[in-house]
PDB file of N, CA and C in Angstrom:
ATOM      1  N   UNK A   1       1.362  45.219 -54.741  1.00  0.00           N
ATOM      2  CA  UNK A   1       1.756  45.811 -56.025  1.00  0.00           C
ATOM      3  C   UNK A   1       2.647  47.002 -55.748  1.00  0.00           C
ATOM      4  N   UNK A   2       3.803  46.952 -56.389  1.00  0.00           N
ATOM      5  CA  UNK A   2       4.799  48.011 -56.177  1.00  0.00           C
ATOM      6  C   UNK A   2       4.687  49.033 -57.360  1.00  0.00           C
ATOM      7  N   UNK A   3       4.413  50.272 -57.006  1.00  0.00           N
ATOM      8  CA  UNK A   3       4.215  51.276 -58.048  1.00  0.00           C
ATOM      9  C   UNK A   3       5.511  52.107 -58.162  1.00  0.00           C
ATOM     10  N   UNK A   4       5.825  52.597 -59.388  1.00  0.00           N
ATOM     11  CA  UNK A   4       6.959  53.454 -59.558  1.00  0.00           C
ATOM     12  C   UNK A   4       6.620  54.811 -59.082  1.00  0.00           C
ATOM     13  N   UNK A   5       7.693  55.658 -58.822  1.00  0.00           N
ATOM     14  CA  UNK A   5       7.480  57.013 -58.386  1.00  0.00           C
ATOM     15  C   UNK A   5       6.599  57.762 -59.436  1.00  0.00           C
ATOM     16  N   UNK A   6       6.799  57.472 -60.711  1.00  0.00           N
ATOM     17  CA  UNK A   6       6.022  58.161 -61.779  1.00  0.00           C
ATOM     18  C   UNK A   6       4.556  57.800 -61.636  1.00  0.00           C
ATOM     19  N   UNK A   7       4.199  56.483 -61.424  1.00  0.00           N
ATOM     20  CA  UNK A   7       2.826  56.051 -61.264  1.00  0.00           C
ATOM     21  C   UNK A   7       2.177  56.682 -60.001  1.00  0.00           C
ATOM     22  N   UNK A   8       2.975  56.860 -58.969  1.00  0.00           N
ATOM     23  CA  UNK A   8       2.438  57.451 -57.751  1.00  0.00           C
ATOM     24  C   UNK A   8       2.127  58.921 -57.977  1.00  0.00           C
ATOM     25  N   UNK A   9       3.031  59.647 -58.720  1.00  0.00           N
ATOM     26  CA  UNK A   9       2.753  61.010 -58.955  1.00  0.00           C
ATOM     27  C   UNK A   9       1.539  61.279 -59.845  1.00  0.00           C
ATOM     28  N   UNK A  10       1.236  60.361 -60.768  1.00  0.00           N
ATOM     29  CA  UNK A  10       0.075  60.435 -61.648  1.00  0.00           C
ATOM     30  C   UNK A  10      -1.229  60.357 -60.745  1.00  0.00           C
ATOM     31  N   UNK A  11      -1.220  59.468 -59.756  1.00  0.00           N
ATOM     32  CA  UNK A  11      -2.376  59.353 -58.846  1.00  0.00           C
ATOM     33  C   UNK A  11      -2.588  60.640 -58.100  1.00  0.00           C
ATOM     34  N   UNK A  12      -1.513  61.197 -57.555  1.00  0.00           N
ATOM     35  CA  UNK A  12      -1.708  62.437 -56.730  1.00  0.00           C
ATOM     36  C   UNK A  12      -1.895  63.630 -57.534  1.00  0.00           C
ATOM     37  N   UNK A  13      -1.408  63.627 -58.772  1.00  0.00           N
ATOM     38  CA  UNK A  13      -1.619  64.750 -59.649  1.00  0.00           C
ATOM     39  C   UNK A  13      -3.175  64.961 -59.921  1.00  0.00           C
ATOM     40  N   UNK A  14      -3.804  63.768 -60.013  1.00  0.00           N
ATOM     41  CA  UNK A  14      -5.268  63.796 -60.252  1.00  0.00           C
ATOM     42  C   UNK A  14      -6.027  64.503 -59.201  1.00  0.00           C
ATOM     43  N   UNK A  15      -5.536  64.535 -57.970  1.00  0.00           N
ATOM     44  CA  UNK A  15      -6.187  65.127 -56.892  1.00  0.00           C
ATOM     45  C   UNK A  15      -5.672  66.533 -56.463  1.00  0.00           C
ATOM     46  N   UNK A  16      -4.704  67.037 -57.255  1.00  0.00           N
ATOM     47  CA  UNK A  16      -4.132  68.284 -56.833  1.00  0.00           C
ATOM     48  C   UNK A  16      -4.743  69.490 -57.603  1.00  0.00           C
ATOM     49  N   UNK A  17      -5.938  69.286 -58.112  1.00  0.00           N
ATOM     50  CA  UNK A  17      -6.603  70.380 -58.863  1.00  0.00           C
ATOM     51  C   UNK A  17      -8.045  70.503 -58.308  1.00  0.00           C
ATOM     52  N   UNK A  18      -8.495  71.751 -57.951  1.00  0.00           N
ATOM     53  CA  UNK A  18      -9.745  71.905 -57.390  1.00  0.00           C
ATOM     54  C   UNK A  18     -10.891  71.366 -58.184  1.00  0.00           C
ATOM     55  N   UNK A  19     -10.823  71.580 -59.529  1.00  0.00           N
ATOM     56  CA  UNK A  19     -11.876  71.041 -60.384  1.00  0.00           C
ATOM     57  C   UNK A  19     -12.013  69.507 -60.402  1.00  0.00           C
ATOM     58  N   UNK A  20     -10.800  68.871 -60.377  1.00  0.00           N
ATOM     59  CA  UNK A  20     -10.821  67.408 -60.314  1.00  0.00           C
ATOM     60  C   UNK A  20     -11.321  66.919 -58.973  1.00  0.00           C
ATOM     61  N   UNK A  21     -11.027  67.575 -57.939  1.00  0.00           N
ATOM     62  CA  UNK A  21     -11.571  67.200 -56.652  1.00  0.00           C
ATOM     63  C   UNK A  21     -13.122  67.362 -56.685  1.00  0.00           C
ATOM     64  N   UNK A  22     -13.557  68.431 -57.314  1.00  0.00           N
ATOM     65  CA  UNK A  22     -15.028  68.668 -57.431  1.00  0.00           C
ATOM     66  C   UNK A  22     -15.676  67.550 -58.216  1.00  0.00           C
ATOM     67  N   UNK A  23     -15.075  67.152 -59.317  1.00  0.00           N
ATOM     68  CA  UNK A  23     -15.557  66.024 -60.149  1.00  0.00           C
ATOM     69  C   UNK A  23     -15.619  64.773 -59.285  1.00  0.00           C
ATOM     70  N   UNK A  24     -14.531  64.502 -58.552  1.00  0.00           N
ATOM     71  CA  UNK A  24     -14.505  63.260 -57.698  1.00  0.00           C
ATOM     72  C   UNK A  24     -15.607  63.306 -56.737  1.00  0.00           C
ATOM     73  N   UNK A  25     -15.838  64.439 -56.133  1.00  0.00           N
ATOM     74  CA  UNK A  25     -17.003  64.590 -55.182  1.00  0.00           C
ATOM     75  C   UNK A  25     -18.354  64.347 -55.835  1.00  0.00           C
ATOM     76  N   UNK A  26     -18.518  64.869 -57.062  1.00  0.00           N
ATOM     77  CA  UNK A  26     -19.742  64.695 -57.789  1.00  0.00           C
ATOM     78  C   UNK A  26     -19.954  63.177 -58.052  1.00  0.00           C
ATOM     79  N   UNK A  27     -18.847  62.478 -58.355  1.00  0.00           N
ATOM     80  CA  UNK A  27     -18.962  61.028 -58.671  1.00  0.00           C
ATOM     81  C   UNK A  27     -19.259  60.188 -57.437  1.00  0.00           C
ATOM     82  N   UNK A  28     -19.116  60.758 -56.259  1.00  0.00           N
ATOM     83  CA  UNK A  28     -19.405  60.028 -55.031  1.00  0.00           C
ATOM     84  C   UNK A  28     -20.912  59.638 -55.005  1.00  0.00           C
ATOM     85  N   UNK A  29     -21.702  60.414 -55.705  1.00  0.00           N
ATOM     86  CA  UNK A  29     -23.162  60.111 -55.790  1.00  0.00           C
ATOM     87  C   UNK A  29     -23.458  59.024 -56.791  1.00  0.00           C
ATOM     88  N   UNK A  30     -22.446  58.454 -57.408  1.00  0.00           N
ATOM     89  CA  UNK A  30     -22.684  57.444 -58.456  1.00  0.00           C
ATOM     90  C   UNK A  30     -22.269  57.902 -59.825  1.00  0.00           C
ATOM     91  N   UNK A  31     -22.395  56.977 -60.748  1.00  0.00           N
ATOM     92  CA  UNK A  31     -21.996  57.264 -62.137  1.00  0.00           C
ATOM     93  C   UNK A  31     -22.695  58.489 -62.694  1.00  0.00           C
ATOM     94  N   UNK A  32     -21.944  59.300 -63.432  1.00  0.00           N
ATOM     95  CA  UNK A  32     -22.510  60.518 -63.997  1.00  0.00           C
ATOM     96  C   UNK A  32     -22.104  60.577 -65.508  1.00  0.00           C
ATOM     97  N   UNK A  33     -23.045  61.103 -66.279  1.00  0.00           N
ATOM     98  CA  UNK A  33     -22.835  61.402 -67.655  1.00  0.00           C
ATOM     99  C   UNK A  33     -21.925  62.658 -67.749  1.00  0.00           C
ATOM    100  N   UNK A  34     -21.105  62.699 -68.770  1.00  0.00           N
ATOM    101  CA  UNK A  34     -20.237  63.879 -68.946  1.00  0.00           C
ATOM    102  C   UNK A  34     -21.066  65.182 -69.014  1.00  0.00           C
ATOM    103  N   UNK A  35     -22.259  65.098 -69.619  1.00  0.00           N
ATOM    104  CA  UNK A  35     -23.111  66.341 -69.694  1.00  0.00           C
ATOM    105  C   UNK A  35     -23.489  66.823 -68.278  1.00  0.00           C
ATOM    106  N   UNK A  36     -23.741  65.953 -67.342  1.00  0.00           N
ATOM    107  CA  UNK A  36     -24.029  66.356 -65.985  1.00  0.00           C
ATOM    108  C   UNK A  36     -22.825  67.018 -65.325  1.00  0.00           C
ATOM    109  N   UNK A  37     -21.671  66.464 -65.592  1.00  0.00           N
ATOM    110  CA  UNK A  37     -20.430  67.027 -65.007  1.00  0.00           C
ATOM    111  C   UNK A  37     -20.125  68.389 -65.571  1.00  0.00           C
ATOM    112  N   UNK A  38     -20.446  68.564 -66.917  1.00  0.00           N
ATOM    113  CA  UNK A  38     -20.279  69.877 -67.607  1.00  0.00           C
ATOM    114  C   UNK A  38     -21.162  70.900 -66.944  1.00  0.00           C
ATOM    115  N   UNK A  39     -22.401  70.542 -66.709  1.00  0.00           N
ATOM    116  CA  UNK A  39     -23.339  71.467 -66.067  1.00  0.00           C
ATOM    117  C   UNK A  39     -22.854  71.883 -64.664  1.00  0.00           C
ATOM    118  N   UNK A  40     -22.417  70.915 -63.892  1.00  0.00           N
ATOM    119  CA  UNK A  40     -21.991  71.238 -62.544  1.00  0.00           C
ATOM    120  C   UNK A  40     -20.684  72.080 -62.512  1.00  0.00           C
ATOM    121  N   UNK A  41     -19.804  71.817 -63.388  1.00  0.00           N
ATOM    122  CA  UNK A  41     -18.533  72.510 -63.372  1.00  0.00           C
ATOM    123  C   UNK A  41     -18.529  73.858 -64.083  1.00  0.00           C
ATOM    124  N   UNK A  42     -19.542  73.993 -64.977  1.00  0.00           N
ATOM    125  CA  UNK A  42     -19.661  75.196 -65.796  1.00  0.00           C
ATOM    126  C   UNK A  42     -18.329  75.476 -66.527  1.00  0.00           C
ATOM    127  N   UNK A  43     -17.862  74.487 -67.204  1.00  0.00           N
ATOM    128  CA  UNK A  43     -16.629  74.643 -67.961  1.00  0.00           C
ATOM    129  C   UNK A  43     -16.865  74.238 -69.391  1.00  0.00           C
ATOM    130  N   UNK A  44     -15.877  74.327 -70.255  1.00  0.00           N
ATOM    131  CA  UNK A  44     -16.060  73.906 -71.682  1.00  0.00           C
ATOM    132  C   UNK A  44     -15.854  72.378 -71.766  1.00  0.00           C
ATOM    133  N   UNK A  45     -16.314  71.804 -72.860  1.00  0.00           N
ATOM    134  CA  UNK A  45     -16.146  70.354 -73.040  1.00  0.00           C
ATOM    135  C   UNK A  45     -14.692  69.954 -73.118  1.00  0.00           C
ATOM    136  N   UNK A  46     -13.835  70.750 -73.844  1.00  0.00           N
ATOM    137  CA  UNK A  46     -12.401  70.349 -73.897  1.00  0.00           C
ATOM    138  C   UNK A  46     -11.720  70.407 -72.467  1.00  0.00           C
ATOM    139  N   UNK A  47     -12.139  71.369 -71.679  1.00  0.00           N
ATOM    140  CA  UNK A  47     -11.623  71.496 -70.280  1.00  0.00           C
ATOM    141  C   UNK A  47     -12.011  70.204 -69.500  1.00  0.00           C
ATOM    142  N   UNK A  48     -13.301  69.870 -69.598  1.00  0.00           N
ATOM    143  CA  UNK A  48     -13.744  68.633 -68.879  1.00  0.00           C
ATOM    144  C   UNK A  48     -13.036  67.397 -69.432  1.00  0.00           C
ATOM    145  N   UNK A  49     -12.862  67.293 -70.727  1.00  0.00           N
ATOM    146  CA  UNK A  49     -12.151  66.143 -71.270  1.00  0.00           C
ATOM    147  C   UNK A  49     -10.672  66.074 -70.693  1.00  0.00           C
ATOM    148  N   UNK A  50     -10.088  67.222 -70.592  1.00  0.00           N
ATOM    149  CA  UNK A  50      -8.708  67.263 -70.036  1.00  0.00           C
ATOM    150  C   UNK A  50      -8.690  66.703 -68.580  1.00  0.00           C
ATOM    151  N   UNK A  51      -9.621  67.173 -67.802  1.00  0.00           N
ATOM    152  CA  UNK A  51      -9.706  66.761 -66.401  1.00  0.00           C
ATOM    153  C   UNK A  51     -10.009  65.232 -66.297  1.00  0.00           C
ATOM    154  N   UNK A  52     -10.935  64.811 -67.189  1.00  0.00           N
ATOM    155  CA  UNK A  52     -11.316  63.374 -67.108  1.00  0.00           C
ATOM    156  C   UNK A  52     -10.184  62.462 -67.552  1.00  0.00           C
ATOM    157  N   UNK A  53      -9.406  62.911 -68.527  1.00  0.00           N
ATOM    158  CA  UNK A  53      -8.256  62.076 -68.958  1.00  0.00           C
ATOM    159  C   UNK A  53      -7.269  61.948 -67.809  1.00  0.00           C
ATOM    160  N   UNK A  54      -7.011  63.001 -67.112  1.00  0.00           N
ATOM    161  CA  UNK A  54      -6.137  62.886 -65.922  1.00  0.00           C
ATOM    162  C   UNK A  54      -6.662  61.991 -64.875  1.00  0.00           C
ATOM    163  N   UNK A  55      -7.973  62.106 -64.540  1.00  0.00           N
ATOM    164  CA  UNK A  55      -8.602  61.246 -63.525  1.00  0.00           C
ATOM    165  C   UNK A  55      -8.613  59.793 -63.967  1.00  0.00           C
ATOM    166  N   UNK A  56      -8.905  59.521 -65.257  1.00  0.00           N
ATOM    167  CA  UNK A  56      -8.891  58.155 -65.749  1.00  0.00           C
ATOM    168  C   UNK A  56      -7.466  57.549 -65.832  1.00  0.00           C
ATOM    169  N   UNK A  57      -6.499  58.362 -66.312  1.00  0.00           N
ATOM    170  CA  UNK A  57      -5.104  57.934 -66.370  1.00  0.00           C
ATOM    171  C   UNK A  57      -4.596  57.497 -64.945  1.00  0.00           C
ATOM    172  N   UNK A  58      -5.096  58.222 -63.920  1.00  0.00           N
ATOM    173  CA  UNK A  58      -4.679  57.902 -62.559  1.00  0.00           C
ATOM    174  C   UNK A  58      -5.224  56.582 -62.035  1.00  0.00           C
ATOM    175  N   UNK A  59      -6.289  56.121 -62.698  1.00  0.00           N
ATOM    176  CA  UNK A  59      -6.902  54.901 -62.222  1.00  0.00           C
ATOM    177  C   UNK A  59      -8.038  55.156 -61.153  1.00  0.00           C
ATOM    178  N   UNK A  60      -8.169  56.435 -60.735  1.00  0.00           N
ATOM    179  CA  UNK A  60      -9.183  56.758 -59.718  1.00  0.00           C
ATOM    180  C   UNK A  60     -10.586  56.792 -60.294  1.00  0.00           C
ATOM    181  N   UNK A  61     -10.703  57.042 -61.560  1.00  0.00           N
ATOM    182  CA  UNK A  61     -12.008  57.110 -62.285  1.00  0.00           C
ATOM    183  C   UNK A  61     -12.018  56.243 -63.478  1.00  0.00           C
ATOM    184  N   UNK A  62     -13.163  55.654 -63.762  1.00  0.00           N
ATOM    185  CA  UNK A  62     -13.261  54.821 -65.004  1.00  0.00           C
ATOM    186  C   UNK A  62     -14.378  55.454 -65.874  1.00  0.00           C
ATOM    187  N   UNK A  63     -14.228  55.320 -67.147  1.00  0.00           N
ATOM    188  CA  UNK A  63     -15.290  55.825 -68.060  1.00  0.00           C
ATOM    189  C   UNK A  63     -15.701  54.729 -68.958  1.00  0.00           C
ATOM    190  N   UNK A  64     -17.019  54.876 -69.412  1.00  0.00           N
ATOM    191  CA  UNK A  64     -17.555  53.946 -70.339  1.00  0.00           C
ATOM    192  C   UNK A  64     -18.392  54.763 -71.367  1.00  0.00           C
ATOM    193  N   UNK A  65     -18.281  54.305 -72.572  1.00  0.00           N
ATOM    194  CA  UNK A  65     -19.051  54.956 -73.634  1.00  0.00           C
ATOM    195  C   UNK A  65     -20.374  54.218 -73.874  1.00  0.00           C
ATOM    196  N   UNK A  66     -21.458  54.996 -73.969  1.00  0.00           N
ATOM    197  CA  UNK A  66     -22.719  54.400 -74.308  1.00  0.00           C
ATOM    198  C   UNK A  66     -23.371  55.296 -75.379  1.00  0.00           C
ATOM    199  N   UNK A  67     -23.359  54.774 -76.603  1.00  0.00           N
ATOM    200  CA  UNK A  67     -23.777  55.613 -77.679  1.00  0.00           C
ATOM    201  C   UNK A  67     -22.803  56.718 -77.944  1.00  0.00           C
ATOM    202  N   UNK A  68     -23.272  57.962 -77.926  1.00  0.00           N
ATOM    203  CA  UNK A  68     -22.386  59.104 -78.061  1.00  0.00           C
ATOM    204  C   UNK A  68     -21.972  59.748 -76.718  1.00  0.00           C
ATOM    205  N   UNK A  69     -22.501  59.176 -75.636  1.00  0.00           N
ATOM    206  CA  UNK A  69     -22.241  59.680 -74.307  1.00  0.00           C
ATOM    207  C   UNK A  69     -21.139  58.970 -73.551  1.00  0.00           C
ATOM    208  N   UNK A  70     -20.414  59.695 -72.724  1.00  0.00           N
ATOM    209  CA  UNK A  70     -19.455  59.040 -71.808  1.00  0.00           C
ATOM    210  C   UNK A  70     -19.963  59.169 -70.406  1.00  0.00           C
ATOM    211  N   UNK A  71     -19.859  58.073 -69.654  1.00  0.00           N
ATOM    212  CA  UNK A  71     -20.278  57.974 -68.284  1.00  0.00           C
ATOM    213  C   UNK A  71     -19.043  57.673 -67.473  1.00  0.00           C
ATOM    214  N   UNK A  72     -18.933  58.352 -66.338  1.00  0.00           N
ATOM    215  CA  UNK A  72     -17.833  58.186 -65.423  1.00  0.00           C
ATOM    216  C   UNK A  72     -18.267  57.769 -64.058  1.00  0.00           C
ATOM    217  N   UNK A  73     -17.361  56.992 -63.411  1.00  0.00           N
ATOM    218  CA  UNK A  73     -17.552  56.589 -62.047  1.00  0.00           C
ATOM    219  C   UNK A  73     -16.251  56.399 -61.278  1.00  0.00           C
ATOM    220  N   UNK A  74     -16.335  56.434 -59.960  1.00  0.00           N
ATOM    221  CA  UNK A  74     -15.128  56.203 -59.190  1.00  0.00           C
ATOM    222  C   UNK A  74     -14.751  54.711 -59.263  1.00  0.00           C
ATOM    223  N   UNK A  75     -13.436  54.478 -59.426  1.00  0.00           N
ATOM    224  CA  UNK A  75     -12.932  53.121 -59.482  1.00  0.00           C
ATOM    225  C   UNK A  75     -12.605  52.650 -58.061  1.00  0.00           C
ATOM    226  N   UNK A  76     -13.279  51.704 -57.578  1.00  0.00           N
ATOM    227  CA  UNK A  76     -12.986  51.166 -56.196  1.00  0.00           C
ATOM    228  C   UNK A  76     -11.532  50.665 -56.110  1.00  0.00           C
ATOM    229  N   UNK A  77     -11.123  49.994 -57.117  1.00  0.00           N
ATOM    230  CA  UNK A  77      -9.716  49.432 -57.142  1.00  0.00           C
ATOM    231  C   UNK A  77      -8.699  50.595 -57.164  1.00  0.00           C
ATOM    232  N   UNK A  78      -8.972  51.642 -57.954  1.00  0.00           N
ATOM    233  CA  UNK A  78      -8.037  52.756 -58.046  1.00  0.00           C
ATOM    234  C   UNK A  78      -7.947  53.548 -56.734  1.00  0.00           C
ATOM    235  N   UNK A  79      -9.073  53.687 -56.040  1.00  0.00           N
ATOM    236  CA  UNK A  79      -9.040  54.419 -54.768  1.00  0.00           C
ATOM    237  C   UNK A  79      -8.308  53.591 -53.701  1.00  0.00           C
ATOM    238  N   UNK A  80      -8.511  52.296 -53.762  1.00  0.00           N
ATOM    239  CA  UNK A  80      -7.808  51.473 -52.753  1.00  0.00           C
ATOM    240  C   UNK A  80      -6.280  51.509 -53.014  1.00  0.00           C
ATOM    241  N   UNK A  81      -5.891  51.590 -54.261  1.00  0.00           N
ATOM    242  CA  UNK A  81      -4.477  51.707 -54.578  1.00  0.00           C
ATOM    243  C   UNK A  81      -3.933  53.046 -54.051  1.00  0.00           C
ATOM    244  N   UNK A  82      -4.675  54.113 -54.208  1.00  0.00           N
ATOM    245  CA  UNK A  82      -4.237  55.426 -53.797  1.00  0.00           C
ATOM    246  C   UNK A  82      -4.113  55.432 -52.236  1.00  0.00           C
ATOM    247  N   UNK A  83      -5.060  54.828 -51.543  1.00  0.00           N
ATOM    248  CA  UNK A  83      -5.020  54.764 -50.080  1.00  0.00           C
ATOM    249  C   UNK A  83      -3.798  53.891 -49.655  1.00  0.00           C
ATOM    250  N   UNK A  84      -3.572  52.813 -50.315  1.00  0.00           N
ATOM    251  CA  UNK A  84      -2.386  51.986 -49.967  1.00  0.00           C
ATOM    252  C   UNK A  84      -1.100  52.696 -50.207  1.00  0.00           C
ATOM    253  N   UNK A  85      -1.012  53.493 -51.273  1.00  0.00           N
ATOM    254  CA  UNK A  85       0.176  54.235 -51.594  1.00  0.00           C
ATOM    255  C   UNK A  85       0.416  55.277 -50.511  1.00  0.00           C
ATOM    256  N   UNK A  86      -0.613  55.989 -50.155  1.00  0.00           N
ATOM    257  CA  UNK A  86      -0.472  57.038 -49.156  1.00  0.00           C
ATOM    258  C   UNK A  86      -0.093  56.438 -47.814  1.00  0.00           C
ATOM    259  N   UNK A  87      -0.656  55.335 -47.468  1.00  0.00           N
ATOM    260  CA  UNK A  87      -0.329  54.628 -46.192  1.00  0.00           C
ATOM    261  C   UNK A  87       1.167  54.239 -46.245  1.00  0.00           C
ATOM    262  N   UNK A  88       1.606  53.661 -47.378  1.00  0.00           N
ATOM    263  CA  UNK A  88       3.041  53.213 -47.515  1.00  0.00           C
ATOM    264  C   UNK A  88       3.964  54.370 -47.447  1.00  0.00           C
ATOM    265  N   UNK A  89       3.645  55.458 -48.133  1.00  0.00           N
ATOM    266  CA  UNK A  89       4.499  56.639 -48.170  1.00  0.00           C
ATOM    267  C   UNK A  89       4.622  57.355 -46.811  1.00  0.00           C
ATOM    268  N   UNK A  90       3.600  57.212 -46.003  1.00  0.00           N
ATOM    269  CA  UNK A  90       3.576  57.915 -44.713  1.00  0.00           C
ATOM    270  C   UNK A  90       4.149  57.066 -43.593  1.00  0.00           C
ATOM    271  N   UNK A  91       4.553  55.854 -43.874  1.00  0.00           N
ATOM    272  CA  UNK A  91       5.124  55.024 -42.826  1.00  0.00           C
ATOM    273  C   UNK A  91       6.465  55.600 -42.414  1.00  0.00           C
ATOM    274  N   UNK A  92       6.696  55.693 -41.146  1.00  0.00           N
ATOM    275  CA  UNK A  92       7.968  56.193 -40.614  1.00  0.00           C
ATOM    276  C   UNK A  92       8.758  54.978 -40.145  1.00  0.00           C
ATOM    277  N   UNK A  93       9.971  54.825 -40.737  1.00  0.00           N
ATOM    278  CA  UNK A  93      10.805  53.731 -40.279  1.00  0.00           C
ATOM    279  C   UNK A  93      12.119  54.279 -39.831  1.00  0.00           C
ATOM    280  N   UNK A  94      12.791  53.640 -38.989  1.00  0.00           N
ATOM    281  CA  UNK A  94      14.041  54.124 -38.427  1.00  0.00           C
ATOM    282  C   UNK A  94      13.904  54.407 -36.951  1.00  0.00           C
ATOM    283  N   UNK A  95      15.005  54.830 -36.361  1.00  0.00           N
ATOM    284  CA  UNK A  95      15.046  54.989 -34.920  1.00  0.00           C
ATOM    285  C   UNK A  95      14.463  56.345 -34.462  1.00  0.00           C
ATOM    286  N   UNK A  96      14.266  57.300 -35.340  1.00  0.00           N
ATOM    287  CA  UNK A  96      13.814  58.545 -35.005  1.00  0.00           C
ATOM    288  C   UNK A  96      14.899  59.519 -34.501  1.00  0.00           C
ATOM    289  N   UNK A  97      16.089  58.999 -34.527  1.00  0.00           N
ATOM    290  CA  UNK A  97      17.257  59.844 -34.054  1.00  0.00           C
ATOM    291  C   UNK A  97      17.650  60.747 -35.188  1.00  0.00           C
ATOM    292  N   UNK A  98      18.193  61.878 -34.844  1.00  0.00           N
ATOM    293  CA  UNK A  98      18.629  62.853 -35.878  1.00  0.00           C
ATOM    294  C   UNK A  98      19.862  62.271 -36.578  1.00  0.00           C
ATOM    295  N   UNK A  99      19.936  62.388 -37.840  1.00  0.00           N
ATOM    296  CA  UNK A  99      21.043  61.812 -38.679  1.00  0.00           C
ATOM    297  C   UNK A  99      22.284  62.675 -38.579  1.00  0.00           C
ATOM    298  N   UNK A 100      22.171  63.882 -38.047  1.00  0.00           N
ATOM    299  CA  UNK A 100      23.289  64.870 -37.994  1.00  0.00           C
ATOM    300  C   UNK A 100      24.126  64.765 -36.758  1.00  0.00           C
ATOM    301  N   UNK A 101      23.862  63.866 -35.877  1.00  0.00           N
ATOM    302  CA  UNK A 101      24.633  63.704 -34.603  1.00  0.00           C
ATOM    303  C   UNK A 101      25.910  62.908 -34.852  1.00  0.00           C
TER     304      UNK A 101
END
């Protein structure tokens, strides 16, 4: 799957904030209700919603609604995509010679 530069930046934007990295680490323990994430982050509900939207838009996290509660978990497919993108972006191709010679 070939991603656009915009799609790639959305993935990495999700991980360039300390709070979102903390959320991701909390989700490593399995699915969490938004109320548990709120307790752990000690932030407001609108702030958590903002972070969760960015994480979900990136594909790294998925959410599901059950009654009035939202539950979040890490997306295995999304994380594999992020790993593949990073692997592809970090490939070095070419002769390794300086282009200025």
